[in-house]
Amino acid sequence: MFGLNRKNAAANDAVYTDVVGQSAPGQVAGGGKGHATPSRREAEEARKSQLKIPKDPKAAKKASRQRDQEDRARAREGMRNGEEKYLPARDRGPARAFARDFVDGRVTLAEFFIFIAIAVLALGFIRNPLIQSWVSIGFFALTALIVVDTVVLLVQLSLRAKKAFPEAKDRKGLLLYATLRTLQLRRLRLPPPRVRRGGAPKV
């Protein structure tokens, strides 16, 4: 029986070699490559060697984890560099890049809101009615300034974006996207800023 199986396997390889080795009309046998067409077994072994997949299951699993780590590292680096293919869907497109540049090129009060909130929280522990009253007044005043500053920025962005991107579908969700970016500290923004303070958006 084992001899019969070996004969069948050899026959199958021979048939595979004959079928693959047939030349197209007008070509020399062997595909014109100057060497015999490999058998199915040889082709599979060559493919596995190209993929560099270890035969040992533990080694294969380790290699797979290493490839995944390398892919994630490349994705993180690509995001830090602002490469389009590595960005999340919400950050892709020229309109979103325009909005990021517009926000990053300005100093916004909303960027420092987190520090204001922390200061108010700390001063709230002082049990002095006069101090707490001034803290409340100052907090509401700064919040009003932040709102006004953000509204002005969004109006300017809307006007500029309409000129750069006439199609309304390209500007969908752009103002909300810009608002959320103004609330982030500049050095913590992702994708990272690609224009300096005072710089113009890149179209």
N, C-alpha and C. Protein backbone atom coordinates (compact mmCIF):
# COMPACT_ATOMS: atom_id res chain seq x y z
N MET A 1 0.82 -1.21 0.00
CA MET A 1 0.00 0.00 0.00
C MET A 1 0.85 1.26 0.00
N PHE A 2 1.97 1.24 0.81
CA PHE A 2 2.81 2.43 0.87
C PHE A 2 3.52 2.66 -0.45
N GLY A 3 3.88 1.55 -1.10
CA GLY A 3 4.52 1.69 -2.40
C GLY A 3 3.56 2.26 -3.42
N LEU A 4 2.29 1.86 -3.32
CA LEU A 4 1.27 2.36 -4.23
C LEU A 4 1.04 3.85 -4.02
N ASN A 5 1.02 4.30 -2.74
CA ASN A 5 0.83 5.73 -2.46
C ASN A 5 1.98 6.55 -3.01
N ARG A 6 3.20 6.02 -2.86
CA ARG A 6 4.35 6.76 -3.39
C ARG A 6 4.27 6.88 -4.90
N LYS A 7 3.80 5.77 -5.55
CA LYS A 7 3.67 5.83 -7.01
C LYS A 7 2.61 6.84 -7.43
N ASN A 8 1.48 6.89 -6.68
CA ASN A 8 0.43 7.86 -6.99
C ASN A 8 0.92 9.29 -6.82
N ALA A 9 1.66 9.55 -5.72
CA ALA A 9 2.18 10.89 -5.49
C ALA A 9 3.13 11.31 -6.60
N ALA A 10 3.99 10.35 -7.03
CA ALA A 10 4.93 10.66 -8.11
C ALA A 10 4.18 10.94 -9.40
N ALA A 11 3.11 10.15 -9.62
CA ALA A 11 2.31 10.36 -10.84
C ALA A 11 1.64 11.72 -10.82
N ASN A 12 1.09 12.13 -9.65
CA ASN A 12 0.44 13.43 -9.53
C ASN A 12 1.42 14.56 -9.79
N ASP A 13 2.64 14.43 -9.23
CA ASP A 13 3.65 15.46 -9.47
C ASP A 13 4.02 15.54 -10.93
N ALA A 14 4.08 14.39 -11.59
CA ALA A 14 4.43 14.37 -13.01
C ALA A 14 3.35 15.05 -13.83
N VAL A 15 2.06 14.76 -13.50
CA VAL A 15 0.96 15.40 -14.21
C VAL A 15 0.98 16.89 -14.00
N TYR A 16 1.20 17.32 -12.74
CA TYR A 16 1.27 18.76 -12.43
C TYR A 16 2.38 19.44 -13.23
N THR A 17 3.55 18.75 -13.30
CA THR A 17 4.67 19.31 -14.05
C THR A 17 4.34 19.43 -15.52
N ASP A 18 3.66 18.40 -16.07
CA ASP A 18 3.31 18.43 -17.49
C ASP A 18 2.34 19.55 -17.78
N VAL A 19 1.32 19.75 -16.90
CA VAL A 19 0.31 20.78 -17.14
C VAL A 19 0.90 22.16 -17.06
N VAL A 20 1.70 22.42 -15.98
CA VAL A 20 2.29 23.74 -15.80
C VAL A 20 3.33 24.03 -16.86
N GLY A 21 4.03 22.95 -17.30
CA GLY A 21 5.12 23.14 -18.24
C GLY A 21 4.66 23.35 -19.65
N GLN A 22 3.36 23.19 -19.96
CA GLN A 22 2.88 23.42 -21.32
C GLN A 22 3.06 24.87 -21.70
N SER A 23 3.54 25.14 -22.86
CA SER A 23 3.81 26.50 -23.31
C SER A 23 2.60 27.07 -24.00
N ALA A 24 2.47 28.37 -23.91
CA ALA A 24 1.43 29.06 -24.66
C ALA A 24 1.83 29.07 -26.11
N PRO A 25 0.87 29.25 -27.00
CA PRO A 25 1.17 29.26 -28.43
C PRO A 25 2.24 30.29 -28.74
N GLY A 26 3.25 29.86 -29.51
CA GLY A 26 4.30 30.79 -29.91
C GLY A 26 5.41 30.92 -28.90
N GLN A 27 5.39 30.12 -27.80
CA GLN A 27 6.42 30.20 -26.79
C GLN A 27 7.17 28.88 -26.74
N VAL A 28 8.38 28.95 -26.19
CA VAL A 28 9.19 27.76 -26.04
C VAL A 28 8.74 27.02 -24.80
N ALA A 29 8.81 25.70 -24.81
CA ALA A 29 8.40 24.92 -23.64
C ALA A 29 9.20 25.35 -22.44
N GLY A 30 8.54 25.36 -21.27
CA GLY A 30 9.20 25.81 -20.05
C GLY A 30 9.02 27.29 -19.82
N GLY A 31 8.11 27.93 -20.56
CA GLY A 31 7.80 29.35 -20.34
C GLY A 31 8.88 30.26 -20.85
N GLY A 32 9.88 29.70 -21.61
CA GLY A 32 10.90 30.57 -22.14
C GLY A 32 11.87 31.04 -21.09
N LYS A 33 11.89 30.35 -19.92
CA LYS A 33 12.77 30.79 -18.84
C LYS A 33 14.10 30.05 -18.86
N GLY A 34 14.23 29.03 -19.72
CA GLY A 34 15.49 28.34 -19.83
C GLY A 34 15.70 27.27 -18.78
N HIS A 35 14.64 26.90 -18.00
CA HIS A 35 14.77 25.84 -17.01
C HIS A 35 13.43 25.13 -16.87
N ALA A 36 13.51 23.90 -16.31
CA ALA A 36 12.30 23.08 -16.20
C ALA A 36 11.33 23.68 -15.19
N THR A 37 10.03 23.49 -15.47
CA THR A 37 9.00 23.97 -14.54
C THR A 37 9.03 23.14 -13.27
N PRO A 38 9.05 23.77 -12.07
CA PRO A 38 9.12 23.00 -10.83
C PRO A 38 7.84 22.21 -10.59
N SER A 39 7.98 21.10 -9.83
CA SER A 39 6.81 20.31 -9.49
C SER A 39 5.97 21.05 -8.46
N ARG A 40 4.76 20.52 -8.18
CA ARG A 40 3.88 21.15 -7.22
C ARG A 40 4.52 21.20 -5.84
N ARG A 41 5.17 20.10 -5.47
CA ARG A 41 5.80 20.04 -4.15
C ARG A 41 6.91 21.08 -4.04
N GLU A 42 7.72 21.21 -5.08
CA GLU A 42 8.80 22.19 -5.08
C GLU A 42 8.25 23.62 -5.05
N ALA A 43 7.14 23.84 -5.79
CA ALA A 43 6.54 25.18 -5.82
C ALA A 43 6.02 25.57 -4.44
N GLU A 44 5.38 24.61 -3.73
CA GLU A 44 4.86 24.90 -2.39
C GLU A 44 5.99 25.18 -1.41
N GLU A 45 7.07 24.41 -1.51
CA GLU A 45 8.21 24.63 -0.62
C GLU A 45 8.85 25.98 -0.89
N ALA A 46 8.94 26.36 -2.18
CA ALA A 46 9.51 27.66 -2.51
C ALA A 46 8.65 28.79 -1.98
N ARG A 47 7.32 28.61 -2.08
CA ARG A 47 6.41 29.66 -1.57
C ARG A 47 6.55 29.80 -0.06
N LYS A 48 6.64 28.67 0.67
CA LYS A 48 6.79 28.73 2.12
C LYS A 48 8.11 29.37 2.52
N SER A 49 9.15 29.08 1.74
CA SER A 49 10.45 29.68 2.08
C SER A 49 10.44 31.18 1.85
N GLN A 50 9.67 31.64 0.83
CA GLN A 50 9.56 33.08 0.60
C GLN A 50 8.82 33.77 1.73
N LEU A 51 7.78 33.12 2.27
CA LEU A 51 7.05 33.68 3.39
C LEU A 51 7.84 33.62 4.70
N LYS A 52 8.87 32.79 4.73
CA LYS A 52 9.72 32.64 5.91
C LYS A 52 8.90 32.25 7.14
N ILE A 53 8.01 31.28 6.96
CA ILE A 53 7.20 30.79 8.06
C ILE A 53 7.88 29.55 8.65
N PRO A 54 8.31 29.60 9.89
CA PRO A 54 8.97 28.42 10.48
C PRO A 54 7.99 27.25 10.55
N LYS A 55 8.53 26.04 10.43
CA LYS A 55 7.69 24.85 10.50
C LYS A 55 7.27 24.56 11.94
N ASP A 56 8.11 24.92 12.90
CA ASP A 56 7.77 24.69 14.31
C ASP A 56 6.63 25.62 14.72
N PRO A 57 5.53 25.09 15.28
CA PRO A 57 4.37 25.94 15.64
C PRO A 57 4.72 27.07 16.59
N LYS A 58 5.56 26.80 17.59
CA LYS A 58 5.94 27.84 18.54
C LYS A 58 6.74 28.94 17.85
N ALA A 59 7.68 28.52 17.00
CA ALA A 59 8.47 29.51 16.28
C ALA A 59 7.61 30.32 15.31
N ALA A 60 6.64 29.64 14.67
CA ALA A 60 5.74 30.34 13.75
C ALA A 60 4.89 31.37 14.49
N LYS A 61 4.41 30.99 15.68
CA LYS A 61 3.60 31.92 16.48
C LYS A 61 4.42 33.11 16.93
N LYS A 62 5.66 32.86 17.32
CA LYS A 62 6.55 33.95 17.73
C LYS A 62 6.86 34.89 16.57
N ALA A 63 7.08 34.30 15.39
CA ALA A 63 7.34 35.11 14.20
C ALA A 63 6.13 35.95 13.83
N SER A 64 4.93 35.37 14.00
CA SER A 64 3.70 36.10 13.71
C SER A 64 3.54 37.30 14.65
N ARG A 65 3.82 37.08 15.96
CA ARG A 65 3.73 38.19 16.92
C ARG A 65 4.74 39.28 16.59
N GLN A 66 5.92 38.86 16.17
CA GLN A 66 6.95 39.84 15.83
C GLN A 66 6.53 40.67 14.61
N ARG A 67 5.92 40.00 13.61
CA ARG A 67 5.44 40.74 12.44
C ARG A 67 4.34 41.71 12.82
N ASP A 68 3.44 41.29 13.72
CA ASP A 68 2.37 42.18 14.17
C ASP A 68 2.94 43.39 14.90
N GLN A 69 3.94 43.17 15.74
CA GLN A 69 4.58 44.28 16.45
C GLN A 69 5.24 45.24 15.48
N GLU A 70 5.89 44.70 14.46
CA GLU A 70 6.54 45.55 13.46
C GLU A 70 5.51 46.35 12.67
N ASP A 71 4.37 45.70 12.35
CA ASP A 71 3.31 46.41 11.62
C ASP A 71 2.73 47.54 12.47
N ARG A 72 2.50 47.27 13.77
CA ARG A 72 1.98 48.33 14.65
C ARG A 72 2.97 49.46 14.81
N ALA A 73 4.26 49.12 14.89
CA ALA A 73 5.29 50.15 15.00
C ALA A 73 5.32 51.02 13.75
N ARG A 74 5.19 50.38 12.59
CA ARG A 74 5.16 51.16 11.33
C ARG A 74 3.92 52.05 11.28
N ALA A 75 2.79 51.52 11.78
CA ALA A 75 1.55 52.32 11.77
C ALA A 75 1.68 53.52 12.70
N ARG A 76 2.27 53.33 13.89
CA ARG A 76 2.46 54.46 14.81
C ARG A 76 3.39 55.50 14.22
N GLU A 77 4.47 55.03 13.61
CA GLU A 77 5.42 55.96 13.00
C GLU A 77 4.76 56.70 11.84
N GLY A 78 3.96 55.97 11.06
CA GLY A 78 3.26 56.61 9.95
C GLY A 78 2.28 57.66 10.42
N MET A 79 1.58 57.40 11.54
CA MET A 79 0.66 58.39 12.08
C MET A 79 1.40 59.62 12.58
N ARG A 80 2.53 59.38 13.27
CA ARG A 80 3.32 60.52 13.75
C ARG A 80 3.83 61.38 12.60
N ASN A 81 4.09 60.74 11.46
CA ASN A 81 4.56 61.48 10.29
C ASN A 81 3.42 62.05 9.46
N GLY A 82 2.17 61.73 9.86
CA GLY A 82 1.02 62.25 9.13
C GLY A 82 0.76 61.58 7.80
N GLU A 83 1.23 60.33 7.63
CA GLU A 83 1.01 59.62 6.37
C GLU A 83 -0.46 59.21 6.26
N GLU A 84 -1.05 59.52 5.14
CA GLU A 84 -2.49 59.36 4.95
C GLU A 84 -2.97 57.93 5.20
N LYS A 85 -2.24 56.94 4.71
CA LYS A 85 -2.72 55.56 4.80
C LYS A 85 -2.73 55.02 6.22
N TYR A 86 -2.00 55.66 7.12
CA TYR A 86 -1.95 55.21 8.50
C TYR A 86 -2.89 56.00 9.41
N LEU A 87 -3.58 56.98 8.89
CA LEU A 87 -4.47 57.80 9.71
C LEU A 87 -5.82 57.12 9.89
N PRO A 88 -6.49 57.35 11.03
CA PRO A 88 -7.86 56.86 11.19
C PRO A 88 -8.78 57.50 10.16
N ALA A 89 -9.92 56.89 9.92
CA ALA A 89 -10.85 57.39 8.89
C ALA A 89 -11.28 58.83 9.17
N ARG A 90 -11.43 59.19 10.46
CA ARG A 90 -11.91 60.54 10.78
C ARG A 90 -10.88 61.62 10.42
N ASP A 91 -9.60 61.24 10.26
CA ASP A 91 -8.54 62.21 9.99
C ASP A 91 -8.13 62.26 8.52
N ARG A 92 -8.73 61.43 7.70
CA ARG A 92 -8.29 61.34 6.31
C ARG A 92 -8.97 62.39 5.44
N GLY A 93 -8.28 62.73 4.37
CA GLY A 93 -8.84 63.65 3.40
C GLY A 93 -8.21 65.02 3.46
N PRO A 94 -8.16 65.71 2.34
CA PRO A 94 -7.54 67.04 2.30
C PRO A 94 -8.28 68.08 3.12
N ALA A 95 -9.61 67.95 3.26
CA ALA A 95 -10.37 68.93 4.04
C ALA A 95 -10.01 68.84 5.52
N ARG A 96 -9.87 67.62 6.04
CA ARG A 96 -9.49 67.45 7.44
C ARG A 96 -8.06 67.95 7.67
N ALA A 97 -7.17 67.70 6.73
CA ALA A 97 -5.80 68.22 6.85
C ALA A 97 -5.80 69.74 6.84
N PHE A 98 -6.66 70.34 6.02
CA PHE A 98 -6.78 71.80 5.97
C PHE A 98 -7.25 72.34 7.32
N ALA A 99 -8.25 71.69 7.91
CA ALA A 99 -8.77 72.13 9.21
C ALA A 99 -7.70 72.01 10.29
N ARG A 100 -6.95 70.92 10.28
CA ARG A 100 -5.87 70.75 11.27
C ARG A 100 -4.84 71.85 11.14
N ASP A 101 -4.44 72.15 9.91
CA ASP A 101 -3.45 73.21 9.71
C ASP A 101 -3.99 74.56 10.16
N PHE A 102 -5.26 74.81 9.90
CA PHE A 102 -5.86 76.09 10.27
C PHE A 102 -5.85 76.26 11.79
N VAL A 103 -6.19 75.21 12.51
CA VAL A 103 -6.21 75.27 13.98
C VAL A 103 -4.78 75.33 14.53
N ASP A 104 -3.90 74.51 14.00
CA ASP A 104 -2.53 74.43 14.52
C ASP A 104 -1.74 75.70 14.26
N GLY A 105 -2.15 76.48 13.28
CA GLY A 105 -1.44 77.71 12.98
C GLY A 105 -1.82 78.87 13.89
N ARG A 106 -2.72 78.64 14.84
CA ARG A 106 -3.20 79.71 15.72
C ARG A 106 -3.04 79.32 17.19
N VAL A 107 -2.94 80.35 18.03
CA VAL A 107 -2.96 80.15 19.48
C VAL A 107 -4.41 80.30 19.93
N THR A 108 -4.99 79.24 20.46
CA THR A 108 -6.39 79.27 20.88
C THR A 108 -6.50 79.16 22.39
N LEU A 109 -7.45 79.88 22.97
CA LEU A 109 -7.66 79.81 24.41
C LEU A 109 -8.20 78.45 24.84
N ALA A 110 -8.95 77.81 23.97
CA ALA A 110 -9.52 76.50 24.31
C ALA A 110 -8.44 75.47 24.59
N GLU A 111 -7.28 75.66 24.01
CA GLU A 111 -6.17 74.74 24.22
C GLU A 111 -5.76 74.68 25.69
N PHE A 112 -5.96 75.79 26.41
CA PHE A 112 -5.52 75.87 27.81
C PHE A 112 -6.68 75.70 28.79
N PHE A 113 -7.84 75.26 28.29
CA PHE A 113 -8.99 75.11 29.16
C PHE A 113 -8.75 74.11 30.28
N ILE A 114 -8.00 73.04 29.99
CA ILE A 114 -7.75 72.02 31.00
C ILE A 114 -6.99 72.60 32.19
N PHE A 115 -6.05 73.51 31.92
CA PHE A 115 -5.30 74.12 33.01
C PHE A 115 -6.19 75.05 33.84
N ILE A 116 -7.09 75.74 33.15
CA ILE A 116 -8.03 76.62 33.85
C ILE A 116 -8.94 75.80 34.76
N ALA A 117 -9.42 74.69 34.26
CA ALA A 117 -10.31 73.83 35.06
C ALA A 117 -9.58 73.28 36.29
N ILE A 118 -8.32 72.89 36.11
CA ILE A 118 -7.55 72.36 37.24
C ILE A 118 -7.32 73.45 38.29
N ALA A 119 -7.02 74.68 37.84
CA ALA A 119 -6.81 75.79 38.77
C ALA A 119 -8.07 76.10 39.56
N VAL A 120 -9.21 76.11 38.87
CA VAL A 120 -10.49 76.38 39.55
C VAL A 120 -10.78 75.28 40.57
N LEU A 121 -10.49 74.02 40.19
CA LEU A 121 -10.73 72.91 41.11
C LEU A 121 -9.86 73.03 42.36
N ALA A 122 -8.61 73.43 42.16
CA ALA A 122 -7.71 73.58 43.31
C ALA A 122 -8.13 74.74 44.21
N LEU A 123 -8.51 75.86 43.61
CA LEU A 123 -8.93 77.01 44.42
C LEU A 123 -10.26 76.76 45.11
N GLY A 124 -11.03 75.80 44.61
CA GLY A 124 -12.31 75.49 45.24
C GLY A 124 -12.18 74.91 46.63
N PHE A 125 -11.00 74.41 46.96
CA PHE A 125 -10.78 73.85 48.30
C PHE A 125 -10.55 74.93 49.36
N ILE A 126 -10.35 76.16 48.91
CA ILE A 126 -10.16 77.26 49.86
C ILE A 126 -11.53 77.69 50.39
N ARG A 127 -11.74 77.55 51.67
CA ARG A 127 -13.03 77.86 52.28
C ARG A 127 -13.12 79.35 52.62
N ASN A 128 -13.05 80.15 51.60
CA ASN A 128 -13.17 81.60 51.78
C ASN A 128 -14.22 82.10 50.79
N PRO A 129 -15.34 82.59 51.26
CA PRO A 129 -16.41 83.03 50.35
C PRO A 129 -15.97 84.07 49.34
N LEU A 130 -15.11 85.00 49.77
CA LEU A 130 -14.67 86.05 48.84
C LEU A 130 -13.82 85.46 47.72
N ILE A 131 -12.87 84.58 48.08
CA ILE A 131 -12.02 83.96 47.06
C ILE A 131 -12.85 83.10 46.11
N GLN A 132 -13.78 82.34 46.66
CA GLN A 132 -14.62 81.49 45.82
C GLN A 132 -15.49 82.32 44.86
N SER A 133 -15.91 83.47 45.32
CA SER A 133 -16.71 84.34 44.44
C SER A 133 -15.87 84.84 43.27
N TRP A 134 -14.63 85.30 43.58
CA TRP A 134 -13.75 85.78 42.51
C TRP A 134 -13.35 84.64 41.57
N VAL A 135 -13.14 83.46 42.10
CA VAL A 135 -12.81 82.31 41.26
C VAL A 135 -13.95 81.99 40.31
N SER A 136 -15.18 82.04 40.83
CA SER A 136 -16.34 81.77 39.97
C SER A 136 -16.48 82.80 38.87
N ILE A 137 -16.31 84.09 39.25
CA ILE A 137 -16.41 85.16 38.25
C ILE A 137 -15.32 85.00 37.19
N GLY A 138 -14.09 84.72 37.66
CA GLY A 138 -12.98 84.54 36.71
C GLY A 138 -13.20 83.36 35.79
N PHE A 139 -13.73 82.26 36.34
CA PHE A 139 -13.96 81.07 35.52
C PHE A 139 -14.99 81.33 34.42
N PHE A 140 -16.10 81.97 34.79
CA PHE A 140 -17.13 82.26 33.79
C PHE A 140 -16.62 83.27 32.75
N ALA A 141 -15.80 84.21 33.19
CA ALA A 141 -15.26 85.20 32.24
C ALA A 141 -14.33 84.52 31.24
N LEU A 142 -13.44 83.65 31.74
CA LEU A 142 -12.52 82.94 30.84
C LEU A 142 -13.27 81.99 29.92
N THR A 143 -14.30 81.35 30.44
CA THR A 143 -15.10 80.46 29.60
C THR A 143 -15.77 81.23 28.47
N ALA A 144 -16.28 82.43 28.78
CA ALA A 144 -16.89 83.27 27.75
C ALA A 144 -15.86 83.66 26.69
N LEU A 145 -14.65 84.00 27.13
CA LEU A 145 -13.60 84.35 26.18
C LEU A 145 -13.23 83.17 25.28
N ILE A 146 -13.20 81.99 25.88
CA ILE A 146 -12.89 80.79 25.09
C ILE A 146 -13.96 80.55 24.04
N VAL A 147 -15.22 80.71 24.42
CA VAL A 147 -16.32 80.51 23.47
C VAL A 147 -16.23 81.52 22.33
N VAL A 148 -16.01 82.78 22.66
CA VAL A 148 -15.91 83.82 21.62
C VAL A 148 -14.73 83.54 20.70
N ASP A 149 -13.58 83.20 21.28
CA ASP A 149 -12.38 82.92 20.49
C ASP A 149 -12.61 81.72 19.56
N THR A 150 -13.28 80.70 20.05
CA THR A 150 -13.53 79.51 19.24
C THR A 150 -14.52 79.80 18.12
N VAL A 151 -15.56 80.58 18.42
CA VAL A 151 -16.55 80.93 17.40
C VAL A 151 -15.89 81.73 16.27
N VAL A 152 -15.04 82.68 16.64
CA VAL A 152 -14.34 83.47 15.62
C VAL A 152 -13.47 82.57 14.74
N LEU A 153 -12.77 81.65 15.37
CA LEU A 153 -11.93 80.72 14.61
C LEU A 153 -12.77 79.88 13.65
N LEU A 154 -13.91 79.38 14.12
CA LEU A 154 -14.75 78.53 13.28
C LEU A 154 -15.36 79.29 12.12
N VAL A 155 -15.72 80.55 12.35
CA VAL A 155 -16.26 81.37 11.26
C VAL A 155 -15.20 81.58 10.19
N GLN A 156 -13.99 81.90 10.63
CA GLN A 156 -12.90 82.10 9.68
C GLN A 156 -12.59 80.80 8.93
N LEU A 157 -12.58 79.69 9.66
CA LEU A 157 -12.33 78.40 9.02
C LEU A 157 -13.41 78.07 8.00
N SER A 158 -14.66 78.33 8.33
CA SER A 158 -15.77 78.03 7.41
C SER A 158 -15.63 78.83 6.11
N LEU A 159 -15.28 80.09 6.22
CA LEU A 159 -15.12 80.92 5.03
C LEU A 159 -13.97 80.44 4.15
N ARG A 160 -12.86 80.11 4.80
CA ARG A 160 -11.69 79.63 4.04
C ARG A 160 -11.96 78.26 3.43
N ALA A 161 -12.64 77.40 4.19
CA ALA A 161 -12.90 76.05 3.69
C ALA A 161 -13.85 76.06 2.50
N LYS A 162 -14.82 76.97 2.49
CA LYS A 162 -15.76 77.04 1.37
C LYS A 162 -15.05 77.42 0.07
N LYS A 163 -14.02 78.25 0.20
CA LYS A 163 -13.25 78.62 -1.00
C LYS A 163 -12.36 77.47 -1.46
N ALA A 164 -11.75 76.79 -0.50
CA ALA A 164 -10.83 75.70 -0.85
C ALA A 164 -11.58 74.43 -1.26
N PHE A 165 -12.76 74.19 -0.67
CA PHE A 165 -13.53 72.98 -0.94
C PHE A 165 -15.00 73.35 -1.19
N PRO A 166 -15.34 73.72 -2.42
CA PRO A 166 -16.70 74.19 -2.74
C PRO A 166 -17.79 73.15 -2.47
N GLU A 167 -17.46 71.86 -2.61
CA GLU A 167 -18.45 70.82 -2.41
C GLU A 167 -18.80 70.68 -0.92
N ALA A 168 -20.09 70.76 -0.59
CA ALA A 168 -20.52 70.69 0.81
C ALA A 168 -20.17 69.35 1.45
N LYS A 169 -20.20 68.27 0.66
CA LYS A 169 -19.91 66.95 1.23
C LYS A 169 -18.47 66.84 1.71
N ASP A 170 -17.56 67.62 1.11
CA ASP A 170 -16.16 67.59 1.54
C ASP A 170 -15.98 68.29 2.88
N ARG A 171 -16.91 69.18 3.24
CA ARG A 171 -16.79 69.94 4.49
C ARG A 171 -17.67 69.38 5.60
N LYS A 172 -18.29 68.25 5.37
CA LYS A 172 -19.20 67.67 6.36
C LYS A 172 -18.45 67.33 7.66
N GLY A 173 -18.94 67.86 8.79
CA GLY A 173 -18.34 67.59 10.09
C GLY A 173 -17.04 68.30 10.34
N LEU A 174 -16.69 69.24 9.46
CA LEU A 174 -15.37 69.89 9.56
C LEU A 174 -15.28 70.81 10.78
N LEU A 175 -16.35 71.55 11.07
CA LEU A 175 -16.31 72.49 12.19
C LEU A 175 -16.23 71.77 13.54
N LEU A 176 -16.97 70.68 13.68
CA LEU A 176 -16.88 69.89 14.91
C LEU A 176 -15.49 69.28 15.06
N TYR A 177 -14.94 68.82 13.96
CA TYR A 177 -13.59 68.26 13.97
C TYR A 177 -12.57 69.29 14.43
N ALA A 178 -12.71 70.51 13.92
CA ALA A 178 -11.79 71.58 14.31
C ALA A 178 -11.98 71.97 15.78
N THR A 179 -13.23 71.99 16.23
CA THR A 179 -13.50 72.34 17.63
C THR A 179 -12.83 71.37 18.59
N LEU A 180 -12.94 70.09 18.30
CA LEU A 180 -12.33 69.07 19.16
C LEU A 180 -10.81 69.21 19.16
N ARG A 181 -10.25 69.61 18.04
CA ARG A 181 -8.78 69.77 17.98
C ARG A 181 -8.33 70.98 18.78
N THR A 182 -9.14 72.04 18.84
CA THR A 182 -8.74 73.21 19.62
C THR A 182 -8.67 72.90 21.11
N LEU A 183 -9.40 71.88 21.57
CA LEU A 183 -9.40 71.53 22.99
C LEU A 183 -8.20 70.69 23.39
N GLN A 184 -7.40 70.26 22.42
CA GLN A 184 -6.23 69.44 22.71
C GLN A 184 -4.97 70.30 22.80
N LEU A 185 -4.09 69.92 23.71
CA LEU A 185 -2.80 70.59 23.78
C LEU A 185 -2.04 70.35 22.49
N ARG A 186 -1.37 71.37 22.01
CA ARG A 186 -0.70 71.28 20.72
C ARG A 186 0.26 70.10 20.65
N ARG A 187 1.06 69.89 21.67
CA ARG A 187 2.06 68.84 21.63
C ARG A 187 1.47 67.44 21.74
N LEU A 188 0.20 67.33 22.13
CA LEU A 188 -0.46 66.04 22.27
C LEU A 188 -1.39 65.73 21.10
N ARG A 189 -1.48 66.62 20.13
CA ARG A 189 -2.41 66.42 19.02
C ARG A 189 -1.92 65.34 18.07
N LEU A 190 -2.86 64.50 17.63
CA LEU A 190 -2.60 63.48 16.63
C LEU A 190 -3.65 63.58 15.54
N PRO A 191 -3.25 63.58 14.29
CA PRO A 191 -1.88 63.65 13.79
C PRO A 191 -1.17 64.92 14.28
N PRO A 192 0.15 64.87 14.43
CA PRO A 192 0.87 66.03 14.97
C PRO A 192 0.81 67.22 14.01
N PRO A 193 0.91 68.44 14.55
CA PRO A 193 0.88 69.64 13.70
C PRO A 193 2.01 69.63 12.67
N ARG A 194 1.70 70.07 11.47
CA ARG A 194 2.71 70.16 10.43
C ARG A 194 3.00 71.60 10.03
N VAL A 195 2.33 72.55 10.69
CA VAL A 195 2.59 73.98 10.45
C VAL A 195 2.94 74.64 11.78
N ARG A 196 3.73 75.67 11.72
CA ARG A 196 4.10 76.41 12.92
C ARG A 196 3.01 77.41 13.29
N ARG A 197 3.14 77.98 14.47
CA ARG A 197 2.23 79.03 14.87
C ARG A 197 2.31 80.17 13.86
N GLY A 198 1.16 80.62 13.40
CA GLY A 198 1.14 81.68 12.39
C GLY A 198 1.25 81.18 10.98
N GLY A 199 1.43 79.86 10.80
CA GLY A 199 1.56 79.31 9.46
C GLY A 199 0.21 79.18 8.77
N ALA A 200 0.25 79.11 7.45
CA ALA A 200 -0.98 78.99 6.65
C ALA A 200 -1.24 77.53 6.33
N PRO A 201 -2.51 77.15 6.18
CA PRO A 201 -2.83 75.76 5.83
C PRO A 201 -2.25 75.36 4.49
N LYS A 202 -1.86 74.11 4.38
CA LYS A 202 -1.36 73.58 3.12
C LYS A 202 -2.52 72.96 2.36
N VAL A 203 -2.74 73.44 1.17
CA VAL A 203 -3.86 72.95 0.35
C VAL A 203 -3.33 71.96 -0.68
